[in-house]
Protein backbone atom coordinates (compact mmCIF):
# COMPACT_ATOMS: atom_id res chain seq x y z
CA MET A 1 -44.59 -1.94 -133.07
CA LEU A 2 -43.20 -0.92 -129.60
CA LYS A 3 -43.34 2.72 -130.58
CA ARG A 4 -46.95 2.39 -131.57
CA LYS A 5 -47.75 0.61 -128.35
CA GLU A 6 -46.09 3.38 -126.37
CA LEU A 7 -47.98 5.97 -128.27
CA SER A 8 -51.22 4.24 -127.49
CA GLU A 9 -50.42 3.99 -123.67
CA ASN A 10 -49.52 7.73 -123.53
CA MET A 11 -52.47 8.92 -125.47
CA PRO A 12 -55.10 10.81 -123.35
CA ALA A 13 -57.98 8.36 -122.63
CA ASP A 14 -60.58 10.54 -124.22
CA GLU A 15 -58.50 10.33 -127.74
CA ALA A 16 -59.00 6.46 -127.86
CA ILE A 17 -60.69 5.49 -131.05
CA GLU A 18 -63.33 3.42 -129.38
CA ILE A 19 -64.34 6.74 -127.48
CA GLY A 20 -64.65 8.50 -130.88
CA ILE A 21 -66.82 5.67 -132.18
CA LEU A 22 -69.23 5.64 -129.37
CA LEU A 23 -69.54 9.37 -129.24
CA ALA A 24 -70.19 9.55 -132.95
CA LEU A 25 -72.82 6.93 -132.52
CA VAL A 26 -74.41 9.28 -129.84
CA GLY A 27 -74.11 12.23 -132.20
CA GLY A 28 -75.88 10.59 -135.07
CA PHE A 29 -78.59 9.25 -132.77
CA LEU A 30 -79.38 12.81 -131.41
CA ASP A 31 -79.48 14.22 -134.89
CA ALA A 32 -81.94 11.66 -136.17
CA TYR A 33 -83.89 11.90 -132.71
CA THR A 34 -84.72 15.48 -133.12
CA TYR A 35 -85.48 15.25 -136.94
CA ILE A 36 -87.95 12.37 -136.43
CA LEU A 37 -89.44 13.32 -133.00
CA HIS A 38 -89.12 17.08 -132.71
CA GLY A 39 -90.02 19.01 -135.74
CA GLY A 40 -87.86 17.74 -138.54
CA VAL A 41 -84.69 19.71 -137.46
CA PHE A 42 -81.17 18.84 -136.89
CA ALA A 43 -80.20 20.32 -133.51
CA ASN A 44 -76.50 19.13 -133.38
CA ALA A 45 -75.03 22.16 -135.33
CA GLN A 46 -76.09 25.74 -135.51
CA THR A 47 -75.33 26.82 -139.07
CA GLY A 48 -79.01 26.34 -140.04
CA ASN A 49 -80.21 28.26 -137.05
CA LEU A 50 -77.86 31.13 -137.81
CA VAL A 51 -79.29 31.31 -141.44
CA LEU A 52 -82.87 31.10 -140.08
CA VAL A 53 -82.15 34.05 -137.79
CA ALA A 54 -80.79 36.15 -140.62
CA MET A 55 -83.58 35.21 -142.93
CA ASN A 56 -86.28 35.98 -140.38
CA ILE A 57 -84.70 39.32 -139.65
CA ALA A 58 -84.67 40.09 -143.29
CA GLU A 59 -88.36 39.26 -143.51
CA LYS A 60 -89.11 41.20 -140.36
CA ASN A 61 -90.29 37.93 -138.59
CA PHE A 62 -88.60 39.07 -135.38
CA PHE A 63 -90.38 36.47 -133.17
CA LYS A 64 -89.39 33.65 -135.31
CA SER A 65 -85.82 35.07 -135.48
CA LEU A 66 -85.71 35.02 -131.56
CA TYR A 67 -87.19 31.49 -131.56
CA CYS A 68 -84.32 30.35 -133.84
CA LEU A 69 -81.80 32.17 -131.67
CA PHE A 70 -82.46 30.06 -128.54
CA PRO A 71 -80.78 26.91 -129.68
CA ILE A 72 -77.73 28.98 -130.78
CA LEU A 73 -77.67 30.52 -127.12
CA ALA A 74 -77.92 26.96 -125.58
CA PHE A 75 -75.11 25.77 -127.76
CA PHE A 76 -73.01 28.78 -126.77
CA SER A 77 -73.79 28.41 -123.08
CA GLY A 78 -72.56 24.72 -123.39
CA ILE A 79 -69.28 25.84 -124.66
CA LEU A 80 -68.97 28.24 -121.72
CA ILE A 81 -69.77 25.54 -119.24
CA THR A 82 -67.30 23.07 -120.74
CA GLU A 83 -64.51 25.72 -120.49
CA TYR A 84 -65.47 26.58 -117.04
CA ILE A 85 -65.32 22.87 -116.04
CA LYS A 86 -62.10 22.37 -117.84
CA ASN A 87 -60.40 25.32 -116.06
CA HIS A 88 -61.94 24.83 -112.52
CA SER A 89 -62.19 21.09 -112.09
CA THR A 90 -60.41 20.23 -108.85
CA LEU A 91 -62.11 16.78 -108.11
CA TYR A 92 -60.29 13.68 -107.26
CA GLU A 93 -57.22 12.81 -109.15
CA GLU A 94 -58.99 9.82 -110.86
CA ILE A 95 -61.69 12.19 -112.27
CA GLU A 96 -60.93 14.18 -115.43
CA TRP A 97 -63.03 17.18 -116.46
CA THR A 98 -64.24 15.16 -119.52
CA HIS A 99 -65.61 12.60 -117.10
CA ILE A 100 -67.84 15.38 -115.54
CA VAL A 101 -68.97 16.44 -119.00
CA ILE A 102 -70.08 12.83 -119.75
CA ILE A 103 -72.03 12.66 -116.47
CA ILE A 104 -73.79 15.92 -117.24
CA GLU A 105 -74.71 14.56 -120.63
CA ILE A 106 -76.19 11.39 -119.09
CA ILE A 107 -78.21 13.20 -116.52
CA THR A 108 -79.55 15.79 -119.08
CA LEU A 109 -80.57 13.21 -121.73
CA SER A 110 -82.22 11.02 -118.81
CA ILE A 111 -84.29 14.01 -118.22
CA VAL A 112 -85.27 14.37 -121.80
CA ALA A 113 -86.41 10.94 -121.76
CA PHE A 114 -89.16 11.69 -119.20
CA LEU A 115 -90.29 14.84 -121.04
CA PRO A 116 -93.75 14.31 -122.54
CA LEU A 117 -94.04 14.56 -126.45
CA ILE A 118 -96.58 17.34 -125.96
CA LEU A 119 -93.98 19.79 -124.99
CA PRO A 120 -92.79 22.21 -127.56
CA ASN A 121 -90.36 20.84 -129.96
CA GLY A 122 -88.17 23.96 -129.65
CA LEU A 123 -87.54 23.16 -125.86
CA ILE A 124 -86.37 19.68 -126.47
CA ASN A 125 -84.17 20.86 -129.48
CA ILE A 126 -82.64 23.53 -127.32
CA ILE A 127 -81.60 20.94 -124.72
CA ILE A 128 -80.13 18.58 -127.35
CA SER A 129 -78.36 21.56 -128.77
CA PHE A 130 -76.78 22.09 -125.23
CA VAL A 131 -75.81 18.54 -124.93
CA CYS A 132 -74.21 18.52 -128.23
CA SER A 133 -72.14 21.51 -127.50
CA LEU A 134 -70.86 19.92 -124.37
CA GLN A 135 -69.71 16.94 -126.36
CA VAL A 136 -68.33 18.70 -129.44
CA ASN A 137 -66.19 21.05 -127.34
CA SER A 138 -64.90 18.40 -124.93
CA PHE A 139 -63.88 15.80 -127.39
CA ARG A 140 -61.94 17.38 -130.13
CA LYS A 141 -59.35 14.79 -131.01
CA THR A 142 -59.07 11.08 -131.82
CA GLN A 143 -55.78 9.45 -132.11
CA GLY A 144 -54.15 12.93 -131.92
CA MET A 145 -56.32 14.10 -134.98
CA PRO A 146 -59.01 16.80 -134.74
CA TYR A 147 -62.56 15.66 -135.41
CA ALA A 148 -66.09 16.22 -134.39
CA THR A 149 -68.68 13.71 -132.96
CA THR A 150 -71.83 15.61 -133.44
CA MET A 151 -71.50 16.56 -137.14
CA CYS A 152 -69.75 15.24 -140.17
CA THR A 153 -68.71 18.05 -142.52
CA GLY A 154 -65.29 18.57 -141.10
CA ASN A 155 -64.70 15.02 -140.81
CA LEU A 156 -65.59 14.42 -144.41
CA ARG A 157 -63.26 17.07 -145.37
CA SER A 158 -60.41 15.64 -143.43
CA ALA A 159 -61.15 12.15 -144.87
CA GLY A 160 -60.95 13.44 -148.46
CA GLU A 161 -57.75 15.60 -147.70
CA HIS A 162 -55.92 12.57 -146.28
CA PHE A 163 -57.18 10.26 -149.12
CA HIS A 164 -55.89 12.80 -151.77
CA SER A 165 -52.44 13.10 -149.84
CA TYR A 166 -52.21 9.28 -149.98
CA ILE A 167 -52.89 9.08 -153.87
CA HIS A 168 -50.34 11.89 -154.27
CA THR A 169 -47.53 10.61 -151.99
CA LYS A 170 -48.26 6.91 -151.44
CA ASP A 171 -47.59 7.37 -147.59
CA LYS A 172 -49.74 4.72 -145.91
CA GLU A 173 -50.10 7.04 -142.93
CA PHE A 174 -52.44 9.24 -144.84
CA ILE A 175 -54.69 6.39 -145.76
CA LYS A 176 -54.81 5.22 -142.34
CA LYS A 177 -55.95 8.68 -141.18
CA SER A 178 -58.48 8.82 -143.97
CA ILE A 179 -59.92 5.36 -142.93
CA LEU A 180 -60.10 6.69 -139.40
CA TYR A 181 -62.27 9.66 -140.42
CA PHE A 182 -64.40 7.25 -142.38
CA ILE A 183 -64.92 5.13 -139.32
CA ILE A 184 -66.12 8.05 -137.37
CA ILE A 185 -68.46 9.18 -140.15
CA ILE A 186 -69.82 5.59 -140.46
CA SER A 187 -70.36 5.41 -136.72
CA PHE A 188 -72.46 8.69 -136.91
CA CYS A 189 -74.50 7.18 -139.68
CA LEU A 190 -74.98 4.03 -137.65
CA GLY A 191 -76.16 6.10 -134.80
CA ALA A 192 -78.83 7.66 -136.99
CA VAL A 193 -79.92 4.18 -138.09
CA LEU A 194 -80.29 3.04 -134.48
CA SER A 195 -82.37 5.97 -133.76
CA THR A 196 -84.52 5.41 -136.69
CA ILE A 197 -85.14 1.87 -135.72
CA LEU A 198 -85.73 2.42 -131.93
CA ILE A 199 -87.87 5.62 -131.98
CA PRO A 200 -91.13 3.79 -133.49
CA VAL A 201 -90.87 1.35 -130.68
CA PHE A 202 -89.89 3.36 -127.62
CA LYS A 203 -90.56 6.95 -128.70
CA GLU A 204 -88.97 9.56 -126.38
CA LYS A 205 -87.43 6.80 -124.18
CA SER A 206 -85.42 5.56 -127.11
CA ILE A 207 -82.82 8.37 -125.98
CA PHE A 208 -81.88 6.14 -123.13
CA SER A 209 -79.75 4.32 -125.69
CA CYS A 210 -77.58 7.33 -125.75
CA CYS A 211 -77.23 7.25 -121.87
CA ILE A 212 -76.20 3.61 -122.16
CA ILE A 213 -73.54 4.31 -124.74
CA LEU A 214 -72.31 7.32 -122.79
CA LEU A 215 -72.09 5.26 -119.61
CA ILE A 216 -69.85 2.77 -121.54
CA VAL A 217 -67.87 5.77 -122.60
CA LEU A 218 -67.35 6.81 -118.99
CA ILE A 219 -66.35 3.33 -117.93
CA ILE A 220 -63.76 2.92 -120.72
CA MET A 221 -62.23 6.36 -119.92
CA LEU A 222 -62.17 5.68 -116.09
CA THR A 223 -60.62 2.24 -116.87
CA ARG A 224 -57.93 3.72 -119.19
CA LYS A 225 -57.25 6.44 -116.81
CA THR A 226 -56.53 3.89 -113.96
CA SER A 227 -54.26 1.76 -116.12
CA GLN A 228 -52.26 4.70 -117.18
CA GLN A 229 -51.58 5.76 -113.48
């Protein structure tokens, strides 16, 4: 019991399970948000866009291919920015580079909330792709285990892998890890549910829900950072 408590206290603030749950809520919300409001696309991951780029090149639809390339470039630029922040962050001792990323996410999504729906869907999806890349590259572990908060495929694979290991070995640590991944997956789905409920009422302003959740994430991280000092 003492060992588990020590591990929890020494764990980086951004790896806390409550952080993972809240960020997964945001990830699910944003995926449903772009699908419902902005052209029926999932902007969080770029596999589909890469396939569309290749398909359009094969069909000689070069303009459409270029159109599908922009979200990929936005995602890639988000990765570069997070790496730059991580390697060049020299703010106050209390401020981690991940705190800066969360603040950027909040500001960016707040801007999206005020963009009119008459704007091209592609523009909004590019911005959401950028935000998701910031998040997925900055928060890679929960409880010391690799995971993602803006997509579920890897989490589902890990949940299945650890569940099989538990069946094979009866080691309870494996089932605990599998349950943890399922918690993240369920949180992602709940974010999509929340988005689907709020969008008919608040339209584009519903994305403020993500800003509120991210603000809670920031407060938790700052609180844990202070308590660990």
